[in-house]
């Protein structure tokens, strides 16, 4: 699946109440390992930066594709919402972690997705991502296997700047 198709799917899921004809995703830019997009979810503009992992170990059974998103929703006063789509189902009621340059952030999980356990940490995580060179996500599959995903932060700063100015 292409980045654009995944971006379109994300925007569609953002606006279950908006009409399908209102869903237009526009590429704001390609920024090395990251891409940035804008759309309108019916309540106003939504911009997001996204990337996929450079490595996944071990690759869990049924693995699809993982993505990390940083989303800006001006109508909701959200500047840096972090979201992980893991590409596998997490163990129910489990936590995951993200490590950027030694700073560890806890994530709560649901099915194949994860978000910051403490949304007050979103600015700190966004800042760490801009300063770092890589990040590592660790989580446990529904089958009890610990999976490590490694992401490049090359282009993360430019992608975050792109969504800041695109919305």
N, C-alpha and C. Protein backbone atom coordinates (compact mmCIF):
# COMPACT_ATOMS: atom_id res chain seq x y z
N UNK A 1 0.85 -1.17 0.00
CA UNK A 1 0.00 0.00 0.00
C UNK A 1 0.90 1.24 0.00
N UNK A 2 0.60 2.20 -0.82
CA UNK A 2 1.42 3.40 -0.90
C UNK A 2 1.15 4.31 0.28
N UNK A 3 2.10 5.24 0.53
CA UNK A 3 1.91 6.22 1.60
C UNK A 3 0.63 7.00 1.38
N UNK A 4 0.35 7.36 0.13
CA UNK A 4 -0.84 8.16 -0.16
C UNK A 4 -2.10 7.37 0.17
N UNK A 5 -2.13 6.10 -0.17
CA UNK A 5 -3.30 5.28 0.13
C UNK A 5 -3.50 5.16 1.64
N UNK A 6 -2.42 5.00 2.38
CA UNK A 6 -2.51 4.93 3.84
C UNK A 6 -2.99 6.27 4.38
N UNK A 7 -2.47 7.37 3.83
CA UNK A 7 -2.90 8.70 4.27
C UNK A 7 -4.38 8.89 4.01
N UNK A 8 -4.85 8.46 2.87
CA UNK A 8 -6.26 8.58 2.53
C UNK A 8 -7.10 7.75 3.50
N UNK A 9 -6.65 6.55 3.82
CA UNK A 9 -7.37 5.71 4.77
C UNK A 9 -7.42 6.36 6.14
N UNK A 10 -6.33 6.99 6.57
CA UNK A 10 -6.31 7.67 7.86
C UNK A 10 -7.31 8.81 7.88
N UNK A 11 -7.31 9.61 6.85
CA UNK A 11 -8.24 10.74 6.80
C UNK A 11 -9.68 10.24 6.80
N UNK A 12 -9.95 9.18 6.08
CA UNK A 12 -11.30 8.63 6.07
C UNK A 12 -11.71 8.18 7.46
N UNK A 13 -10.78 7.59 8.19
CA UNK A 13 -11.11 7.14 9.55
C UNK A 13 -11.24 8.31 10.52
N UNK A 14 -10.60 9.43 10.21
CA UNK A 14 -10.70 10.61 11.07
C UNK A 14 -12.09 11.22 11.05
N UNK A 15 -12.81 11.02 9.97
CA UNK A 15 -14.07 11.73 9.79
C UNK A 15 -15.20 10.79 9.42
N UNK A 16 -15.58 9.95 10.32
CA UNK A 16 -16.63 9.00 10.03
C UNK A 16 -17.95 9.70 9.73
N UNK A 17 -18.13 10.90 10.27
CA UNK A 17 -19.38 11.61 10.06
C UNK A 17 -19.34 12.52 8.84
N UNK A 18 -18.18 12.78 8.30
CA UNK A 18 -18.07 13.66 7.14
C UNK A 18 -18.37 12.88 5.87
N UNK A 19 -18.82 13.56 4.87
CA UNK A 19 -19.13 12.87 3.61
C UNK A 19 -17.85 12.46 2.90
N UNK A 20 -17.92 11.38 2.17
CA UNK A 20 -16.74 10.88 1.46
C UNK A 20 -16.23 11.89 0.44
N UNK A 21 -17.14 12.68 -0.13
CA UNK A 21 -16.70 13.64 -1.13
C UNK A 21 -15.86 14.76 -0.53
N UNK A 22 -15.96 14.96 0.80
CA UNK A 22 -15.19 16.02 1.45
C UNK A 22 -13.75 15.59 1.73
N UNK A 23 -13.45 14.32 1.53
CA UNK A 23 -12.13 13.79 1.85
C UNK A 23 -11.16 13.99 0.69
N UNK A 24 -10.34 15.01 0.80
CA UNK A 24 -9.30 15.23 -0.18
C UNK A 24 -7.99 15.38 0.56
N UNK A 25 -7.08 14.47 0.31
CA UNK A 25 -5.78 14.50 0.95
C UNK A 25 -4.80 15.16 -0.01
N UNK A 26 -4.06 16.13 0.50
CA UNK A 26 -3.06 16.81 -0.31
C UNK A 26 -1.68 16.58 0.30
N UNK A 27 -0.76 16.21 -0.54
CA UNK A 27 0.63 16.06 -0.11
C UNK A 27 1.22 17.44 0.12
N UNK A 28 1.71 17.67 1.33
CA UNK A 28 2.39 18.93 1.63
C UNK A 28 3.87 18.83 1.30
N UNK A 29 4.45 17.64 1.49
CA UNK A 29 5.86 17.48 1.17
C UNK A 29 6.40 16.12 1.53
N UNK A 30 7.50 15.76 0.87
CA UNK A 30 8.28 14.56 1.18
C UNK A 30 9.54 15.05 1.88
N UNK A 31 9.81 14.50 3.04
CA UNK A 31 10.91 14.98 3.88
C UNK A 31 11.76 13.78 4.32
N UNK A 32 12.60 13.30 3.44
CA UNK A 32 13.43 12.12 3.68
C UNK A 32 12.57 10.94 4.10
N UNK A 33 12.65 10.51 5.36
CA UNK A 33 11.89 9.34 5.80
C UNK A 33 10.44 9.67 6.13
N UNK A 34 10.08 10.94 6.12
CA UNK A 34 8.75 11.41 6.51
C UNK A 34 8.03 12.06 5.35
N UNK A 35 6.70 12.04 5.40
CA UNK A 35 5.84 12.75 4.45
C UNK A 35 4.83 13.55 5.26
N UNK A 36 4.34 14.63 4.68
CA UNK A 36 3.32 15.43 5.37
C UNK A 36 2.14 15.65 4.43
N UNK A 37 0.93 15.69 5.04
CA UNK A 37 -0.31 15.78 4.29
C UNK A 37 -1.28 16.74 4.98
N UNK A 38 -2.23 17.23 4.20
CA UNK A 38 -3.32 18.01 4.77
C UNK A 38 -4.63 17.46 4.21
N UNK A 39 -5.69 17.66 4.97
CA UNK A 39 -7.03 17.23 4.57
C UNK A 39 -8.03 18.05 5.36
N UNK A 40 -9.30 17.80 5.11
CA UNK A 40 -10.37 18.44 5.86
C UNK A 40 -11.29 17.33 6.34
N UNK A 41 -11.53 17.27 7.65
CA UNK A 41 -12.34 16.19 8.20
C UNK A 41 -13.78 16.60 8.47
N UNK A 42 -14.21 17.72 7.95
CA UNK A 42 -15.58 18.18 8.16
C UNK A 42 -15.69 19.21 9.26
N UNK A 43 -14.76 19.17 10.22
CA UNK A 43 -14.74 20.18 11.29
C UNK A 43 -13.65 21.21 11.04
N UNK A 44 -12.85 20.97 10.03
CA UNK A 44 -11.77 21.90 9.70
C UNK A 44 -10.56 21.15 9.19
N UNK A 45 -9.47 21.87 8.97
CA UNK A 45 -8.27 21.23 8.43
C UNK A 45 -7.63 20.26 9.43
N UNK A 46 -7.03 19.24 8.88
CA UNK A 46 -6.24 18.28 9.65
C UNK A 46 -4.95 18.07 8.86
N UNK A 47 -3.82 18.21 9.52
CA UNK A 47 -2.54 17.96 8.87
C UNK A 47 -1.80 16.89 9.66
N UNK A 48 -1.06 16.06 8.96
CA UNK A 48 -0.31 15.03 9.66
C UNK A 48 0.98 14.70 8.92
N UNK A 49 1.96 14.33 9.72
CA UNK A 49 3.24 13.83 9.22
C UNK A 49 3.27 12.34 9.53
N UNK A 50 3.88 11.57 8.65
CA UNK A 50 3.90 10.13 8.86
C UNK A 50 5.19 9.50 8.35
N UNK A 51 5.51 8.36 8.94
CA UNK A 51 6.67 7.58 8.52
C UNK A 51 6.38 6.11 8.81
N UNK A 52 7.19 5.26 8.23
CA UNK A 52 7.08 3.83 8.53
C UNK A 52 8.42 3.34 9.07
N UNK A 53 8.43 2.20 9.75
CA UNK A 53 9.68 1.73 10.37
C UNK A 53 10.71 1.29 9.34
N UNK A 54 11.96 1.47 9.74
CA UNK A 54 13.08 0.96 8.94
C UNK A 54 13.29 -0.53 9.20
N UNK A 55 12.94 -0.95 10.42
CA UNK A 55 13.07 -2.37 10.75
C UNK A 55 12.03 -2.78 11.79
N UNK A 56 11.64 -4.05 11.73
CA UNK A 56 10.69 -4.65 12.67
C UNK A 56 11.27 -6.01 13.03
N UNK A 57 11.48 -6.24 14.34
CA UNK A 57 12.07 -7.52 14.74
C UNK A 57 11.47 -8.00 16.06
N UNK A 58 11.07 -9.25 16.12
CA UNK A 58 10.82 -10.12 14.97
C UNK A 58 9.55 -9.67 14.25
N UNK A 59 9.41 -10.09 13.01
CA UNK A 59 8.19 -9.76 12.27
C UNK A 59 7.08 -10.69 12.74
N UNK A 60 6.03 -10.11 13.35
CA UNK A 60 4.97 -10.97 13.90
C UNK A 60 4.12 -11.61 12.80
N UNK A 61 3.52 -12.74 13.12
CA UNK A 61 2.59 -13.39 12.20
C UNK A 61 1.48 -12.42 11.85
N UNK A 62 1.12 -12.34 10.58
CA UNK A 62 0.04 -11.48 10.14
C UNK A 62 0.40 -10.01 10.07
N UNK A 63 1.67 -9.70 10.18
CA UNK A 63 2.11 -8.30 10.15
C UNK A 63 1.72 -7.64 8.84
N UNK A 64 1.17 -6.43 8.94
CA UNK A 64 0.86 -5.66 7.74
C UNK A 64 1.94 -4.60 7.59
N UNK A 65 1.64 -3.34 7.86
CA UNK A 65 2.63 -2.27 7.79
C UNK A 65 2.38 -1.33 8.96
N UNK A 66 3.45 -0.91 9.58
CA UNK A 66 3.35 0.03 10.70
C UNK A 66 3.57 1.45 10.22
N UNK A 67 2.96 2.40 10.92
CA UNK A 67 3.14 3.83 10.64
C UNK A 67 3.08 4.61 11.93
N UNK A 68 3.82 5.69 11.98
CA UNK A 68 3.71 6.67 13.06
C UNK A 68 3.19 7.95 12.44
N UNK A 69 2.24 8.56 13.14
CA UNK A 69 1.64 9.81 12.70
C UNK A 69 1.81 10.88 13.78
N UNK A 70 2.09 12.10 13.36
CA UNK A 70 1.99 13.27 14.23
C UNK A 70 0.95 14.15 13.57
N UNK A 71 -0.14 14.42 14.28
CA UNK A 71 -1.29 15.09 13.69
C UNK A 71 -1.55 16.44 14.34
N UNK A 72 -1.96 17.39 13.51
CA UNK A 72 -2.37 18.72 13.97
C UNK A 72 -3.83 18.91 13.60
N UNK A 73 -4.66 19.26 14.60
CA UNK A 73 -6.08 19.53 14.40
C UNK A 73 -6.41 20.90 14.99
N UNK A 74 -6.25 21.96 14.21
CA UNK A 74 -6.47 23.31 14.75
C UNK A 74 -7.86 23.53 15.35
N UNK A 75 -8.90 22.96 14.75
CA UNK A 75 -10.27 23.15 15.26
C UNK A 75 -10.44 22.58 16.66
N UNK A 76 -9.60 21.61 17.02
CA UNK A 76 -9.66 20.99 18.35
C UNK A 76 -8.52 21.46 19.24
N UNK A 77 -7.76 22.43 18.76
CA UNK A 77 -6.61 22.98 19.49
C UNK A 77 -5.57 21.89 19.80
N UNK A 78 -5.37 20.98 18.86
CA UNK A 78 -4.37 19.92 19.00
C UNK A 78 -3.24 20.21 18.03
N UNK A 79 -2.03 20.35 18.58
CA UNK A 79 -0.88 20.71 17.75
C UNK A 79 0.01 19.51 17.40
N UNK A 80 0.13 18.54 18.31
CA UNK A 80 1.04 17.42 18.08
C UNK A 80 0.48 16.14 18.71
N UNK A 81 -0.52 15.55 18.08
CA UNK A 81 -1.07 14.29 18.55
C UNK A 81 -0.24 13.15 17.96
N UNK A 82 0.25 12.26 18.80
CA UNK A 82 1.06 11.13 18.38
C UNK A 82 0.19 9.89 18.29
N UNK A 83 0.35 9.13 17.19
CA UNK A 83 -0.40 7.90 17.00
C UNK A 83 0.48 6.87 16.30
N UNK A 84 0.44 5.65 16.78
CA UNK A 84 1.15 4.53 16.18
C UNK A 84 0.14 3.53 15.67
N UNK A 85 0.28 3.10 14.43
CA UNK A 85 -0.43 1.94 13.91
C UNK A 85 0.66 0.89 13.77
N UNK A 86 0.59 -0.15 14.60
CA UNK A 86 1.70 -1.09 14.77
C UNK A 86 1.85 -2.12 13.66
N UNK A 87 0.77 -2.42 12.94
CA UNK A 87 0.86 -3.47 11.93
C UNK A 87 0.61 -4.85 12.51
N UNK A 88 0.28 -4.91 13.79
CA UNK A 88 -0.07 -6.16 14.47
C UNK A 88 -0.95 -5.79 15.66
N UNK A 89 -1.70 -6.76 16.16
CA UNK A 89 -2.54 -6.53 17.34
C UNK A 89 -1.69 -6.62 18.60
N UNK A 90 -1.84 -5.63 19.46
CA UNK A 90 -1.15 -5.65 20.75
C UNK A 90 -1.86 -6.60 21.71
N UNK A 91 -1.11 -7.07 22.69
CA UNK A 91 -1.68 -7.86 23.76
C UNK A 91 -2.70 -6.97 24.49
N UNK A 92 -3.90 -7.47 24.76
CA UNK A 92 -4.90 -6.64 25.44
C UNK A 92 -4.37 -6.09 26.77
N UNK A 93 -4.74 -4.86 27.06
CA UNK A 93 -4.37 -4.17 28.30
C UNK A 93 -2.85 -4.04 28.49
N UNK A 94 -2.11 -4.03 27.39
CA UNK A 94 -0.66 -3.89 27.50
C UNK A 94 -0.24 -2.46 27.21
N UNK A 95 0.96 -2.14 27.59
CA UNK A 95 1.57 -0.84 27.32
C UNK A 95 2.67 -1.05 26.29
N UNK A 96 2.99 0.00 25.59
CA UNK A 96 4.14 0.00 24.68
C UNK A 96 4.99 1.20 25.09
N UNK A 97 6.21 1.25 24.58
CA UNK A 97 7.08 2.39 24.87
C UNK A 97 7.69 2.91 23.58
N UNK A 98 8.03 4.18 23.63
CA UNK A 98 8.80 4.78 22.54
C UNK A 98 10.01 5.44 23.19
N UNK A 99 11.18 5.17 22.61
CA UNK A 99 12.43 5.69 23.14
C UNK A 99 13.08 6.56 22.08
N UNK A 100 13.29 7.83 22.43
CA UNK A 100 13.95 8.78 21.53
C UNK A 100 15.12 9.38 22.28
N UNK A 101 16.33 9.01 21.88
CA UNK A 101 17.53 9.57 22.51
C UNK A 101 17.58 9.37 24.01
N UNK A 102 17.09 8.24 24.49
CA UNK A 102 17.12 7.94 25.91
C UNK A 102 15.89 8.43 26.67
N UNK A 103 15.06 9.24 26.04
CA UNK A 103 13.80 9.66 26.66
C UNK A 103 12.74 8.62 26.33
N UNK A 104 12.11 8.08 27.37
CA UNK A 104 11.12 7.02 27.18
C UNK A 104 9.72 7.57 27.45
N UNK A 105 8.82 7.29 26.53
CA UNK A 105 7.43 7.72 26.63
C UNK A 105 6.55 6.48 26.63
N UNK A 106 5.59 6.43 27.54
CA UNK A 106 4.69 5.29 27.64
C UNK A 106 3.48 5.49 26.74
N UNK A 107 3.05 4.40 26.11
CA UNK A 107 1.90 4.41 25.22
C UNK A 107 0.85 3.44 25.73
N UNK A 108 -0.42 3.81 25.60
CA UNK A 108 -1.46 2.83 25.85
C UNK A 108 -1.85 2.25 24.49
N UNK A 109 -2.27 1.00 24.49
CA UNK A 109 -2.55 0.30 23.25
C UNK A 109 -4.02 -0.11 23.17
N UNK A 110 -4.47 -0.25 21.94
CA UNK A 110 -5.81 -0.77 21.69
C UNK A 110 -5.78 -1.41 20.31
N UNK A 111 -6.06 -2.69 20.26
CA UNK A 111 -5.99 -3.46 19.01
C UNK A 111 -4.61 -3.29 18.37
N UNK A 112 -4.52 -2.62 17.21
CA UNK A 112 -3.22 -2.46 16.54
C UNK A 112 -2.68 -1.03 16.65
N UNK A 113 -3.24 -0.23 17.54
CA UNK A 113 -2.84 1.18 17.64
C UNK A 113 -2.35 1.53 19.04
N UNK A 114 -1.62 2.65 19.12
CA UNK A 114 -1.13 3.13 20.42
C UNK A 114 -1.05 4.65 20.39
N UNK A 115 -1.27 5.23 21.57
CA UNK A 115 -1.21 6.68 21.75
C UNK A 115 -0.46 6.97 23.04
N UNK A 116 -0.02 8.20 23.21
CA UNK A 116 0.65 8.58 24.45
C UNK A 116 -0.26 8.33 25.64
N UNK A 117 0.28 7.71 26.67
CA UNK A 117 -0.46 7.45 27.89
C UNK A 117 -0.82 8.78 28.57
N UNK A 118 0.08 9.74 28.46
CA UNK A 118 -0.11 11.07 29.03
C UNK A 118 -0.01 12.08 27.89
N UNK A 119 -1.15 12.60 27.43
CA UNK A 119 -1.15 13.52 26.30
C UNK A 119 -0.39 14.80 26.61
N UNK A 120 -0.16 15.09 27.89
CA UNK A 120 0.64 16.24 28.27
C UNK A 120 2.10 16.09 27.84
N UNK A 121 2.49 14.89 27.44
CA UNK A 121 3.85 14.61 26.98
C UNK A 121 4.02 14.84 25.47
N UNK A 122 2.96 15.22 24.77
CA UNK A 122 3.04 15.33 23.31
C UNK A 122 4.06 16.37 22.85
N UNK A 123 4.14 17.50 23.53
CA UNK A 123 5.11 18.52 23.15
C UNK A 123 6.53 18.01 23.38
N UNK A 124 6.75 17.32 24.50
CA UNK A 124 8.08 16.78 24.80
C UNK A 124 8.48 15.72 23.78
N UNK A 125 7.53 14.86 23.38
CA UNK A 125 7.84 13.83 22.38
C UNK A 125 8.13 14.48 21.03
N UNK A 126 7.33 15.45 20.63
CA UNK A 126 7.57 16.14 19.35
C UNK A 126 8.94 16.80 19.35
N UNK A 127 9.31 17.40 20.46
CA UNK A 127 10.61 18.06 20.59
C UNK A 127 11.74 17.03 20.52
N UNK A 128 11.57 15.91 21.22
CA UNK A 128 12.59 14.85 21.19
C UNK A 128 12.75 14.31 19.78
N UNK A 129 11.65 14.17 19.06
CA UNK A 129 11.71 13.67 17.69
C UNK A 129 12.46 14.64 16.78
N UNK A 130 12.28 15.94 16.99
CA UNK A 130 13.00 16.92 16.18
C UNK A 130 14.49 16.92 16.50
N UNK A 131 14.85 16.62 17.74
CA UNK A 131 16.25 16.64 18.15
C UNK A 131 16.97 15.32 17.90
N UNK A 132 16.22 14.23 17.81
CA UNK A 132 16.83 12.91 17.71
C UNK A 132 17.12 12.48 16.29
N UNK A 133 17.77 11.32 16.17
CA UNK A 133 18.06 10.76 14.85
C UNK A 133 17.27 9.48 14.59
N UNK A 134 16.83 8.83 15.68
CA UNK A 134 16.04 7.61 15.52
C UNK A 134 15.16 7.42 16.75
N UNK A 135 14.16 6.58 16.60
CA UNK A 135 13.31 6.22 17.74
C UNK A 135 12.96 4.75 17.64
N UNK A 136 12.72 4.17 18.81
CA UNK A 136 12.44 2.75 18.90
C UNK A 136 11.13 2.56 19.66
N UNK A 137 10.24 1.80 19.07
CA UNK A 137 8.97 1.45 19.70
C UNK A 137 9.03 -0.02 20.08
N UNK A 138 8.63 -0.32 21.31
CA UNK A 138 8.56 -1.71 21.77
C UNK A 138 7.16 -1.99 22.28
N UNK A 139 6.63 -3.13 21.86
CA UNK A 139 5.31 -3.55 22.31
C UNK A 139 5.20 -5.06 22.24
N UNK A 140 4.15 -5.58 22.86
CA UNK A 140 3.94 -7.03 22.92
C UNK A 140 2.72 -7.40 22.10
N UNK A 141 2.88 -8.37 21.22
CA UNK A 141 1.78 -8.82 20.36
C UNK A 141 0.72 -9.56 21.18
N UNK A 142 -0.44 -9.75 20.56
CA UNK A 142 -1.51 -10.52 21.20
C UNK A 142 -1.02 -11.92 21.55
N UNK A 143 -0.04 -12.42 20.81
CA UNK A 143 0.52 -13.74 21.08
C UNK A 143 1.63 -13.75 22.10
N UNK A 144 1.94 -12.59 22.70
CA UNK A 144 2.94 -12.51 23.77
C UNK A 144 4.37 -12.32 23.31
N UNK A 145 4.59 -11.92 22.06
CA UNK A 145 5.94 -11.73 21.54
C UNK A 145 6.30 -10.25 21.58
N UNK A 146 7.47 -9.95 22.16
CA UNK A 146 7.94 -8.57 22.21
C UNK A 146 8.49 -8.18 20.83
N UNK A 147 7.98 -7.08 20.27
CA UNK A 147 8.37 -6.61 18.94
C UNK A 147 9.02 -5.25 19.09
N UNK A 148 10.13 -5.06 18.37
CA UNK A 148 10.85 -3.79 18.35
C UNK A 148 10.79 -3.21 16.95
N UNK A 149 10.33 -1.97 16.85
CA UNK A 149 10.27 -1.26 15.57
C UNK A 149 11.21 -0.06 15.66
N UNK A 150 12.07 0.10 14.67
CA UNK A 150 13.01 1.22 14.63
C UNK A 150 12.62 2.16 13.50
N UNK A 151 12.56 3.46 13.84
CA UNK A 151 12.15 4.50 12.89
C UNK A 151 13.25 5.54 12.74
N UNK A 152 13.42 6.02 11.53
CA UNK A 152 14.34 7.13 11.28
C UNK A 152 13.61 8.44 11.58
N UNK A 153 14.34 9.38 12.16
CA UNK A 153 13.79 10.71 12.39
C UNK A 153 14.32 11.70 11.37
N UNK A 154 14.99 11.20 10.34
CA UNK A 154 15.49 12.06 9.28
C UNK A 154 14.29 12.66 8.53
N UNK A 155 14.14 13.96 8.61
CA UNK A 155 13.03 14.64 7.97
C UNK A 155 11.87 14.93 8.91
N UNK A 156 11.93 14.44 10.15
CA UNK A 156 10.83 14.66 11.10
C UNK A 156 10.64 16.14 11.41
N UNK A 157 11.72 16.88 11.53
CA UNK A 157 11.61 18.32 11.82
C UNK A 157 10.93 19.03 10.66
N UNK A 158 11.37 18.78 9.44
CA UNK A 158 10.77 19.41 8.26
C UNK A 158 9.31 19.02 8.12
N UNK A 159 8.98 17.77 8.40
CA UNK A 159 7.59 17.32 8.30
C UNK A 159 6.72 18.01 9.34
N UNK A 160 7.23 18.16 10.56
CA UNK A 160 6.46 18.86 11.60
C UNK A 160 6.30 20.35 11.25
N UNK A 161 7.32 20.95 10.68
CA UNK A 161 7.21 22.33 10.25
C UNK A 161 6.18 22.46 9.12
N UNK A 162 6.15 21.47 8.25
CA UNK A 162 5.22 21.47 7.12
C UNK A 162 3.77 21.41 7.61
N UNK A 163 3.49 20.57 8.60
CA UNK A 163 2.11 20.49 9.09
C UNK A 163 1.76 21.73 9.92
N UNK A 164 2.75 22.33 10.56
CA UNK A 164 2.49 23.54 11.34
C UNK A 164 2.06 24.68 10.41
N UNK A 165 2.69 24.77 9.25
CA UNK A 165 2.34 25.85 8.32
C UNK A 165 1.20 25.45 7.38
N UNK A 166 0.93 24.15 7.23
CA UNK A 166 -0.10 23.68 6.30
C UNK A 166 -1.50 23.73 6.86
N UNK A 167 -1.64 23.92 8.17
CA UNK A 167 -2.96 23.96 8.82
C UNK A 167 -3.16 25.28 9.52
